[in-house]
Amino acid sequence: MTQSDPATLKQATPPTAVSFGQALLFWLKLGFISFGGPAGQIAIMHQELVENRRWISERRFLHALNYCMVLPGPEAQQLATYIGWLMHKTRGGIAAGALFVLPSLLILIALSWIYIAYGDLSLVAGLFYGIKPAVTAIVVQAAHRIGSRALKNSYLWGIAAAAFMAIFALDIPFPVIVVLAAITGYAGGRLVPEKFKTGGGHGNANTSYGPALIDDDTPTPAHARFAWGRLLWVLITGLVLWAIPMGLLTTYYGWSHTLTQMGWFFTKAALMTFGGAYAVLPYVYQGAVSGYGWLTPTQMIDGLALGETTPGPLIMVVAFVGFVGGYVKAVFGPDSLFLAGAVAAALVTWFTFLPSFLFILAGGPLVESTHGDINFTAPLTAITAAVVGVILNLALFFAYHVIWPQGFAGQMDWMSALIAITAAIALLRFKRNVIHVIAACAVLGLVIKTLV
């Protein structure tokens, strides 16, 4: 009789139950290590929760991810909220989602203050001169990374191409593109289901890393079963949590005040934008830069660079937008600029992420009843393909502002173009870490600005 491998025995043994305190420590850790944008954060959660800890099975993880991908807002943060909720009820979901965001908010408030207060210094200007082309390359990498996993056949390639043309050439709003993609996916799932069963392109749902705490055949827990009374309670609670701060802002400052308008704008951004941070940014740019004048196009790109270098969801760039807007508009007077920026950053974060919690707590029970349903997964697969086209459009948007800062009529910035190409090669060809690429490009930008 041969002796069994201890590692094999460990993999064959179901994990022990996880207490709320143990989960809390993990979610806090995740909030500080979740670098790399949505794809990187999802990869970290997959490795930790599916492969290493086996808190949830591959199939259940992907099913939750597919739902989060169709929602407005950051899918990685919503996925953490979903798994936390599935494991430890409402308090588990709130803890997981909040701790995914809180470290990033505090770090961004500090970095935003340094940027806006000292951004004119030659040192800071030189660093950002190199960082901005790197951000363009990072968005290109995001399109390539998601596309390589999601576009598995000509049908999905066609959806991605159509989405790109719709937003690039026809300026069709992204919510409309999402609806059309979902309809296409639903029809495709009925007519050619084998072409739309990839589950959004996020891996093989048949992969197993051993018995999981929440396994494929684990019954849905009582708190995750659908009930009309629970749904109504969640919706009412969410409405109250939105109405109280919005009502106070309107009462004390008036509807046209900067803080009130920030609350209203980012509520709309949270509800009307789909496809994660890269798809949300053009909408935020349109409103925050062109509509309200809270910051400039250059500051928006700089904010994205800061978002890329901090943990947490990339959509936390809204905290930068809020801080700069509150600071520049001096909403609390010229003697309280930092306080104005910090309050505005916290405010827009609240209004941006509140709907994400509601979508999970209200919609989770419905999702738990749709395992393996092609009518549910096929539209999500099509939406994922459409998002690839939208992200490519965003890459062109950033490239235009970085490489032609004065527009096509002005002179091309060849050094920025060279940095962007170098960063793209480092990311796509040599698979270098995003943080390392940003750091190297920042140093390169500083050197160029010093010598030129």
Protein backbone atom coordinates (compact mmCIF):
# COMPACT_ATOMS: atom_id res chain seq x y z
CA MET A 1 0.00 0.00 0.00
CA THR A 2 1.52 3.27 -1.08
CA GLN A 3 1.56 6.28 1.17
CA SER A 4 -0.65 9.14 -0.02
CA ASP A 5 0.86 12.49 -0.82
CA PRO A 6 0.03 14.97 2.02
CA ALA A 7 -0.70 17.69 -0.53
CA THR A 8 -3.12 15.40 -2.34
CA LEU A 9 -4.87 14.51 0.91
CA LYS A 10 -5.18 18.19 1.78
CA GLN A 11 -6.74 18.95 -1.61
CA ALA A 12 -9.20 16.07 -1.18
CA THR A 13 -10.32 17.29 2.27
CA PRO A 14 -13.05 19.93 2.37
CA PRO A 15 -11.92 23.18 4.04
CA THR A 16 -13.16 23.95 7.51
CA ALA A 17 -15.84 26.57 8.11
CA VAL A 18 -14.63 30.17 7.95
CA SER A 19 -15.67 32.54 10.73
CA PHE A 20 -16.71 36.11 10.06
CA GLY A 21 -13.56 37.32 11.83
CA GLN A 22 -11.32 35.21 9.60
CA ALA A 23 -13.09 36.48 6.51
CA LEU A 24 -12.82 40.07 7.77
CA LEU A 25 -9.04 39.79 8.01
CA PHE A 26 -8.86 38.43 4.48
CA TRP A 27 -11.04 41.20 3.01
CA LEU A 28 -8.88 43.80 4.77
CA LYS A 29 -5.75 42.20 3.32
CA LEU A 30 -7.36 42.13 -0.13
CA GLY A 31 -8.08 45.86 0.09
CA PHE A 32 -4.34 46.56 0.37
CA ILE A 33 -3.06 44.06 -2.24
CA SER A 34 -5.70 44.43 -4.96
CA PHE A 35 -3.50 46.04 -7.61
CA GLY A 36 -3.68 45.54 -11.35
CA GLY A 37 -7.11 46.82 -12.31
CA PRO A 38 -10.22 44.62 -12.59
CA ALA A 39 -8.49 41.71 -14.31
CA GLY A 40 -5.63 41.67 -11.79
CA GLN A 41 -8.01 41.92 -8.83
CA ILE A 42 -10.21 39.11 -10.13
CA ALA A 43 -7.11 36.99 -10.67
CA ILE A 44 -6.00 37.63 -7.06
CA MET A 45 -9.43 36.65 -5.72
CA HIS A 46 -9.51 33.55 -7.90
CA GLN A 47 -6.11 32.43 -6.68
CA GLU A 48 -6.90 33.12 -3.03
CA LEU A 49 -10.54 32.05 -2.81
CA VAL A 50 -10.80 29.27 -5.42
CA GLU A 51 -7.32 27.75 -5.62
CA ASN A 52 -5.65 28.34 -2.26
CA ARG A 53 -8.39 28.65 0.37
CA ARG A 54 -11.18 26.85 -1.57
CA TRP A 55 -13.88 28.99 -0.04
CA ILE A 56 -15.86 28.78 -3.30
CA SER A 57 -15.74 26.48 -6.31
CA GLU A 58 -14.62 27.49 -9.79
CA ARG A 59 -18.11 27.19 -11.24
CA ARG A 60 -19.79 29.20 -8.48
CA PHE A 61 -17.03 31.84 -8.69
CA LEU A 62 -17.50 32.26 -12.44
CA HIS A 63 -21.27 32.33 -12.13
CA ALA A 64 -21.04 35.20 -9.64
CA LEU A 65 -18.48 36.97 -11.83
CA ASN A 66 -20.71 36.76 -14.88
CA TYR A 67 -23.48 38.51 -12.96
CA CYS A 68 -21.13 41.22 -11.69
CA MET A 69 -19.88 41.88 -15.21
CA VAL A 70 -23.33 42.86 -16.46
CA LEU A 71 -23.89 45.32 -13.62
CA PRO A 72 -23.01 49.01 -13.68
CA GLY A 73 -19.95 49.61 -11.54
CA PRO A 74 -16.71 47.83 -10.59
CA GLU A 75 -17.06 44.08 -11.13
CA ALA A 76 -14.14 43.12 -8.86
CA GLN A 77 -15.58 45.02 -5.88
CA GLN A 78 -19.03 43.61 -6.59
CA LEU A 79 -17.59 40.10 -6.81
CA ALA A 80 -15.98 40.50 -3.40
CA THR A 81 -19.30 41.78 -2.04
CA TYR A 82 -21.14 38.82 -3.59
CA ILE A 83 -18.82 36.18 -2.11
CA GLY A 84 -18.79 37.92 1.27
CA TRP A 85 -22.60 38.01 1.23
CA LEU A 86 -22.87 34.36 0.20
CA MET A 87 -20.59 33.32 3.07
CA HIS A 88 -21.72 35.59 5.91
CA LYS A 89 -25.01 37.20 4.94
CA THR A 90 -25.49 40.97 4.61
CA ARG A 91 -22.75 41.93 7.07
CA GLY A 92 -20.30 39.75 5.15
CA GLY A 93 -21.15 41.46 1.86
CA ILE A 94 -20.90 44.96 3.33
CA ALA A 95 -17.57 44.16 5.02
CA ALA A 96 -16.04 42.63 1.88
CA GLY A 97 -17.19 45.44 -0.40
CA ALA A 98 -16.29 48.28 1.96
CA LEU A 99 -12.81 46.96 2.80
CA PHE A 100 -12.15 46.54 -0.91
CA VAL A 101 -12.60 50.31 -1.30
CA LEU A 102 -11.57 51.97 1.99
CA PRO A 103 -7.75 51.61 1.74
CA SER A 104 -7.82 52.98 -1.79
CA LEU A 105 -9.93 55.96 -0.74
CA LEU A 106 -7.55 56.97 2.04
CA ILE A 107 -4.47 56.55 -0.16
CA LEU A 108 -6.03 58.51 -3.03
CA ILE A 109 -7.03 61.40 -0.79
CA ALA A 110 -3.39 61.72 0.30
CA LEU A 111 -2.01 61.40 -3.25
CA SER A 112 -4.61 63.78 -4.68
CA TRP A 113 -3.63 66.43 -2.15
CA ILE A 114 0.07 66.05 -3.02
CA TYR A 115 -0.80 66.24 -6.72
CA ILE A 116 -3.04 69.30 -6.60
CA ALA A 117 -0.92 71.19 -4.05
CA TYR A 118 2.51 70.45 -5.55
CA GLY A 119 1.69 69.34 -9.11
CA ASP A 120 3.35 72.39 -10.67
CA LEU A 121 6.76 71.40 -9.37
CA SER A 122 9.11 70.27 -12.10
CA LEU A 123 9.69 66.95 -10.30
CA VAL A 124 5.99 66.04 -10.26
CA ALA A 125 5.44 67.34 -13.80
CA GLY A 126 8.33 65.23 -15.09
CA LEU A 127 7.05 62.09 -13.39
CA PHE A 128 3.57 62.51 -14.86
CA TYR A 129 5.00 63.22 -18.29
CA GLY A 130 6.20 59.62 -18.33
CA ILE A 131 3.23 58.12 -16.51
CA LYS A 132 0.53 59.35 -18.91
CA PRO A 133 1.82 57.44 -21.99
CA ALA A 134 2.15 54.37 -19.76
CA VAL A 135 -1.53 54.67 -18.86
CA THR A 136 -2.41 54.61 -22.56
CA ALA A 137 -0.45 51.36 -22.95
CA ILE A 138 -2.16 49.91 -19.86
CA VAL A 139 -5.60 50.50 -21.37
CA VAL A 140 -4.45 48.81 -24.60
CA GLN A 141 -3.25 45.88 -22.51
CA ALA A 142 -6.64 45.70 -20.78
CA ALA A 143 -8.39 45.42 -24.15
CA HIS A 144 -5.96 42.71 -25.25
CA ARG A 145 -6.19 40.81 -21.96
CA ILE A 146 -9.98 40.73 -21.80
CA GLY A 147 -10.30 40.16 -25.54
CA SER A 148 -7.94 37.19 -25.56
CA ARG A 149 -10.12 35.45 -22.99
CA ALA A 150 -13.56 36.58 -24.12
CA LEU A 151 -13.41 36.59 -27.94
CA LYS A 152 -13.37 32.85 -28.58
CA ASN A 153 -15.12 32.78 -31.95
CA SER A 154 -16.15 34.95 -34.90
CA TYR A 155 -19.55 35.75 -33.37
CA LEU A 156 -17.98 37.38 -30.32
CA TRP A 157 -15.35 39.13 -32.46
CA GLY A 158 -18.19 40.58 -34.51
CA ILE A 159 -19.94 41.88 -31.39
CA ALA A 160 -16.70 43.53 -30.21
CA ALA A 161 -16.14 45.16 -33.59
CA ALA A 162 -19.72 46.39 -33.76
CA ALA A 163 -19.47 47.86 -30.24
CA PHE A 164 -16.25 49.68 -31.16
CA MET A 165 -17.78 51.21 -34.28
CA ALA A 166 -20.96 52.12 -32.41
CA ILE A 167 -19.15 54.15 -29.75
CA PHE A 168 -16.23 55.40 -31.89
CA ALA A 169 -17.97 56.35 -35.13
CA LEU A 170 -21.64 56.69 -34.18
CA ASP A 171 -21.25 57.99 -30.59
CA ILE A 172 -23.94 55.61 -29.34
CA PRO A 173 -24.23 55.69 -25.51
CA PHE A 174 -22.69 52.69 -23.82
CA PRO A 175 -25.88 51.64 -21.98
CA VAL A 176 -27.54 51.27 -25.39
CA ILE A 177 -24.62 49.16 -26.59
CA VAL A 178 -24.97 46.93 -23.52
CA VAL A 179 -28.68 46.40 -24.13
CA LEU A 180 -28.11 45.57 -27.79
CA ALA A 181 -25.29 43.17 -26.89
CA ALA A 182 -27.48 41.46 -24.29
CA ILE A 183 -30.29 41.02 -26.83
CA THR A 184 -27.80 39.65 -29.35
CA GLY A 185 -26.40 37.27 -26.74
CA TYR A 186 -29.83 36.04 -25.74
CA ALA A 187 -30.74 35.37 -29.37
CA GLY A 188 -27.37 33.71 -29.96
CA GLY A 189 -27.84 31.52 -26.90
CA ARG A 190 -31.11 30.25 -28.36
CA LEU A 191 -29.91 29.81 -31.96
CA VAL A 192 -26.22 28.81 -31.60
CA PRO A 193 -25.72 28.10 -27.88
CA GLU A 194 -22.31 26.50 -28.41
CA LYS A 195 -20.97 29.91 -29.51
CA PHE A 196 -22.19 31.71 -26.38
CA LYS A 197 -21.42 29.27 -23.58
CA THR A 198 -17.97 30.61 -22.72
CA GLY A 199 -19.24 32.27 -19.54
CA GLY A 200 -17.67 35.59 -20.39
CA GLY A 201 -14.28 34.14 -21.14
CA HIS A 202 -13.05 33.97 -17.58
CA GLY A 203 -11.62 30.50 -17.51
CA ASN A 204 -12.86 26.95 -17.52
CA ALA A 205 -15.82 26.38 -15.24
CA ASN A 206 -15.09 22.65 -15.19
CA THR A 207 -11.74 23.16 -13.42
CA SER A 208 -11.63 21.78 -9.86
CA TYR A 209 -9.10 22.50 -7.12
CA GLY A 210 -10.69 20.09 -4.67
CA PRO A 211 -13.82 20.28 -2.51
CA ALA A 212 -14.80 23.85 -1.74
CA LEU A 213 -16.65 25.34 1.21
CA ILE A 214 -19.26 26.61 -1.28
CA ASP A 215 -19.08 23.80 -3.85
CA ASP A 216 -20.95 23.19 -7.10
CA ASP A 217 -23.62 21.14 -5.35
CA THR A 218 -23.73 23.11 -2.08
CA PRO A 219 -27.36 24.09 -1.46
CA THR A 220 -28.11 27.79 -1.58
CA PRO A 221 -28.12 29.07 2.03
CA ALA A 222 -31.38 30.36 3.46
CA HIS A 223 -30.33 34.01 3.36
CA ALA A 224 -29.49 33.75 -0.35
CA ARG A 225 -32.90 32.43 -1.41
CA PHE A 226 -35.22 34.86 -3.12
CA ALA A 227 -38.03 36.42 -1.10
CA TRP A 228 -40.12 39.42 -2.08
CA GLY A 229 -40.08 40.80 1.47
CA ARG A 230 -36.27 40.72 1.63
CA LEU A 231 -35.99 42.36 -1.80
CA LEU A 232 -38.34 45.17 -0.75
CA TRP A 233 -36.42 45.73 2.47
CA VAL A 234 -33.09 46.01 0.64
CA LEU A 235 -34.49 48.47 -1.89
CA ILE A 236 -36.09 50.68 0.77
CA THR A 237 -32.91 50.69 2.86
CA GLY A 238 -30.84 51.63 -0.17
CA LEU A 239 -33.21 54.45 -1.09
CA VAL A 240 -33.01 55.86 2.44
CA LEU A 241 -29.20 55.66 2.48
CA TRP A 242 -29.15 57.64 -0.77
CA ALA A 243 -31.89 60.13 0.13
CA ILE A 244 -30.51 61.22 3.52
CA PRO A 245 -27.15 62.65 2.31
CA MET A 246 -28.70 63.98 -0.89
CA GLY A 247 -31.48 65.67 1.07
CA LEU A 248 -29.00 67.22 3.51
CA LEU A 249 -26.82 68.54 0.68
CA THR A 250 -29.80 70.06 -1.10
CA THR A 251 -31.18 71.61 2.10
CA TYR A 252 -27.94 73.18 3.34
CA TYR A 253 -26.22 74.08 0.06
CA GLY A 254 -28.88 74.13 -2.63
CA TRP A 255 -29.31 72.05 -5.76
CA SER A 256 -26.73 73.91 -7.85
CA HIS A 257 -23.90 73.63 -5.30
CA THR A 258 -20.81 71.68 -6.33
CA LEU A 259 -21.21 68.97 -3.67
CA THR A 260 -24.89 68.43 -4.47
CA GLN A 261 -24.18 68.19 -8.18
CA MET A 262 -21.34 65.76 -7.49
CA GLY A 263 -23.72 63.54 -5.56
CA TRP A 264 -26.28 63.62 -8.34
CA PHE A 265 -23.77 63.16 -11.17
CA PHE A 266 -22.03 60.17 -9.61
CA THR A 267 -25.37 58.59 -8.76
CA LYS A 268 -26.15 58.69 -12.48
CA ALA A 269 -22.66 57.45 -13.31
CA ALA A 270 -23.14 54.50 -10.97
CA LEU A 271 -26.51 53.59 -12.49
CA MET A 272 -26.05 54.35 -16.18
CA THR A 273 -22.57 53.10 -16.97
CA PHE A 274 -21.68 49.48 -17.58
CA GLY A 275 -18.60 47.39 -18.23
CA GLY A 276 -16.28 48.36 -15.37
CA ALA A 277 -13.97 51.31 -14.91
CA TYR A 278 -12.59 51.51 -18.43
CA ALA A 279 -16.08 51.83 -19.87
CA VAL A 280 -17.17 54.32 -17.18
CA LEU A 281 -14.30 56.76 -17.70
CA PRO A 282 -15.53 58.35 -20.95
CA TYR A 283 -18.83 59.16 -19.23
CA VAL A 284 -17.06 60.61 -16.20
CA TYR A 285 -14.77 62.59 -18.49
CA GLN A 286 -17.71 64.01 -20.40
CA GLY A 287 -19.44 65.20 -17.24
CA ALA A 288 -16.60 66.13 -14.89
CA VAL A 289 -14.37 67.79 -17.50
CA SER A 290 -16.62 69.07 -20.26
CA GLY A 291 -19.85 69.50 -18.31
CA TYR A 292 -18.96 70.80 -14.84
CA GLY A 293 -15.33 71.84 -15.25
CA TRP A 294 -14.24 70.14 -12.03
CA LEU A 295 -10.88 69.27 -13.60
CA THR A 296 -8.99 69.47 -16.90
CA PRO A 297 -8.40 66.69 -19.47
CA THR A 298 -4.76 66.47 -18.36
CA GLN A 299 -5.79 66.14 -14.72
CA MET A 300 -8.24 63.38 -15.68
CA ILE A 301 -5.45 61.33 -17.28
CA ASP A 302 -3.21 62.04 -14.28
CA GLY A 303 -6.01 60.82 -12.01
CA LEU A 304 -6.22 57.57 -13.92
CA ALA A 305 -2.47 57.17 -13.48
CA LEU A 306 -2.86 57.55 -9.71
CA GLY A 307 -5.73 55.06 -9.78
CA GLU A 308 -3.51 52.53 -11.57
CA THR A 309 -0.80 52.83 -8.92
CA THR A 310 -3.05 52.33 -5.88
CA PRO A 311 -4.92 49.24 -4.66
CA GLY A 312 -8.66 48.94 -5.06
CA PRO A 313 -10.98 49.27 -8.06
CA LEU A 314 -9.83 51.57 -10.85
CA ILE A 315 -13.13 53.43 -10.70
CA MET A 316 -11.73 54.93 -7.49
CA VAL A 317 -10.44 57.59 -9.87
CA VAL A 318 -13.78 59.23 -8.99
CA ALA A 319 -12.25 60.01 -5.58
CA PHE A 320 -9.52 61.94 -7.39
CA VAL A 321 -12.15 63.74 -9.47
CA GLY A 322 -14.08 64.64 -6.33
CA PHE A 323 -10.99 65.81 -4.45
CA VAL A 324 -9.73 68.02 -7.27
CA GLY A 325 -13.23 69.40 -7.89
CA GLY A 326 -13.84 70.19 -4.21
CA TYR A 327 -10.35 71.66 -3.81
CA VAL A 328 -10.43 73.83 -6.94
CA LYS A 329 -13.98 75.04 -6.32
CA ALA A 330 -13.07 75.77 -2.66
CA VAL A 331 -16.46 74.54 -1.51
CA PHE A 332 -15.65 75.30 2.15
CA GLY A 333 -13.76 78.53 1.51
CA PRO A 334 -10.09 79.30 0.70
CA ASP A 335 -8.87 78.31 4.19
CA SER A 336 -10.24 74.74 4.09
CA LEU A 337 -9.09 73.43 0.73
CA PHE A 338 -7.87 70.02 1.94
CA LEU A 339 -11.07 69.46 3.93
CA ALA A 340 -13.14 70.39 0.87
CA GLY A 341 -11.26 67.92 -1.29
CA ALA A 342 -11.41 65.10 1.27
CA VAL A 343 -15.14 65.54 1.91
CA ALA A 344 -15.87 65.68 -1.83
CA ALA A 345 -13.79 62.51 -2.42
CA ALA A 346 -15.64 60.63 0.33
CA LEU A 347 -18.98 61.93 -0.94
CA VAL A 348 -18.54 60.79 -4.55
CA THR A 349 -17.24 57.43 -3.33
CA TRP A 350 -20.43 56.94 -1.30
CA PHE A 351 -22.74 57.77 -4.19
CA THR A 352 -20.68 55.73 -6.66
CA PHE A 353 -20.54 52.52 -4.64
CA LEU A 354 -23.91 52.50 -2.86
CA PRO A 355 -25.71 51.06 -5.93
CA SER A 356 -23.07 48.31 -6.20
CA PHE A 357 -24.01 46.99 -2.76
CA LEU A 358 -27.71 47.17 -3.60
CA PHE A 359 -27.28 45.28 -6.87
CA ILE A 360 -25.60 42.41 -5.03
CA LEU A 361 -27.83 42.27 -1.95
CA ALA A 362 -31.00 42.63 -4.02
CA GLY A 363 -30.05 40.62 -7.11
CA GLY A 364 -27.89 37.92 -5.55
CA PRO A 365 -30.81 35.62 -4.62
CA LEU A 366 -32.05 35.70 -8.21
CA VAL A 367 -28.58 34.88 -9.53
CA GLU A 368 -28.24 31.94 -7.18
CA SER A 369 -31.19 30.31 -8.94
CA THR A 370 -29.65 30.53 -12.45
CA HIS A 371 -26.65 28.14 -12.32
CA GLY A 372 -25.88 26.85 -15.81
CA ASP A 373 -28.84 28.65 -17.43
CA ILE A 374 -27.76 29.58 -20.98
CA ASN A 375 -30.53 32.20 -21.13
CA PHE A 376 -28.70 34.02 -18.32
CA THR A 377 -25.07 33.41 -19.26
CA ALA A 378 -25.27 34.01 -23.03
CA PRO A 379 -26.21 37.72 -22.74
CA LEU A 380 -23.32 38.17 -20.30
CA THR A 381 -20.92 36.56 -22.75
CA ALA A 382 -22.04 38.98 -25.46
CA ILE A 383 -21.74 41.97 -23.13
CA THR A 384 -18.19 40.96 -22.25
CA ALA A 385 -17.34 40.95 -25.95
CA ALA A 386 -18.89 44.40 -26.40
CA VAL A 387 -16.83 45.77 -23.50
CA VAL A 388 -13.64 44.83 -25.38
CA GLY A 389 -14.61 47.18 -28.20
CA VAL A 390 -15.44 49.98 -25.77
CA ILE A 391 -12.10 49.65 -23.96
CA LEU A 392 -10.26 49.86 -27.29
CA ASN A 393 -12.10 53.10 -27.98
CA LEU A 394 -10.95 54.42 -24.60
CA ALA A 395 -7.34 53.56 -25.48
CA LEU A 396 -7.60 55.69 -28.62
CA PHE A 397 -9.16 58.48 -26.56
CA PHE A 398 -6.18 58.57 -24.18
CA ALA A 399 -3.62 58.18 -26.98
CA TYR A 400 -5.06 61.22 -28.73
CA HIS A 401 -4.77 63.46 -25.64
CA VAL A 402 -1.29 62.23 -24.72
CA ILE A 403 0.41 62.07 -28.12
CA TRP A 404 -1.36 65.11 -29.66
CA PRO A 405 -1.84 67.37 -26.60
CA GLN A 406 -2.82 70.32 -28.81
CA GLY A 407 -5.00 68.22 -31.12
CA PHE A 408 -4.21 66.89 -34.58
CA ALA A 409 -3.59 70.45 -35.76
CA GLY A 410 -0.72 70.76 -33.27
CA GLN A 411 2.64 69.04 -33.14
CA MET A 412 2.90 65.36 -32.29
CA ASP A 413 4.71 64.58 -29.03
CA TRP A 414 7.18 61.98 -30.31
CA MET A 415 8.72 61.31 -26.90
CA SER A 416 5.32 60.49 -25.39
CA ALA A 417 4.59 58.20 -28.33
CA LEU A 418 7.93 56.43 -27.81
CA ILE A 419 7.23 55.95 -24.09
CA ALA A 420 3.75 54.57 -24.86
CA ILE A 421 5.15 52.09 -27.41
CA THR A 422 7.90 51.01 -25.00
CA ALA A 423 5.37 50.51 -22.20
CA ALA A 424 3.07 48.51 -24.51
CA ILE A 425 5.95 46.21 -25.51
CA ALA A 426 6.89 45.72 -21.85
CA LEU A 427 3.30 44.85 -20.91
CA LEU A 428 2.24 42.77 -23.91
CA ARG A 429 5.47 41.12 -25.04
CA PHE A 430 7.42 40.73 -21.81
CA LYS A 431 4.42 40.55 -19.40
CA ARG A 432 5.94 43.05 -16.99
CA ASN A 433 4.10 44.13 -13.85
CA VAL A 434 1.91 47.23 -14.27
CA ILE A 435 3.39 48.99 -11.24
CA HIS A 436 6.93 48.34 -12.48
CA VAL A 437 6.09 49.74 -15.92
CA ILE A 438 4.53 52.87 -14.45
CA ALA A 439 7.55 53.42 -12.19
CA ALA A 440 10.02 52.98 -15.06
CA CYS A 441 8.05 55.32 -17.32
CA ALA A 442 7.82 57.91 -14.54
CA VAL A 443 11.61 57.91 -14.16
CA LEU A 444 12.02 58.07 -17.95
CA GLY A 445 9.65 61.05 -18.12
CA LEU A 446 11.58 62.83 -15.38
CA VAL A 447 14.86 62.30 -17.21
CA ILE A 448 13.41 63.59 -20.49
CA LYS A 449 11.94 66.70 -18.85
CA THR A 450 15.22 67.36 -17.06
CA LEU A 451 17.32 67.09 -20.22
CA VAL A 452 14.99 68.81 -22.68
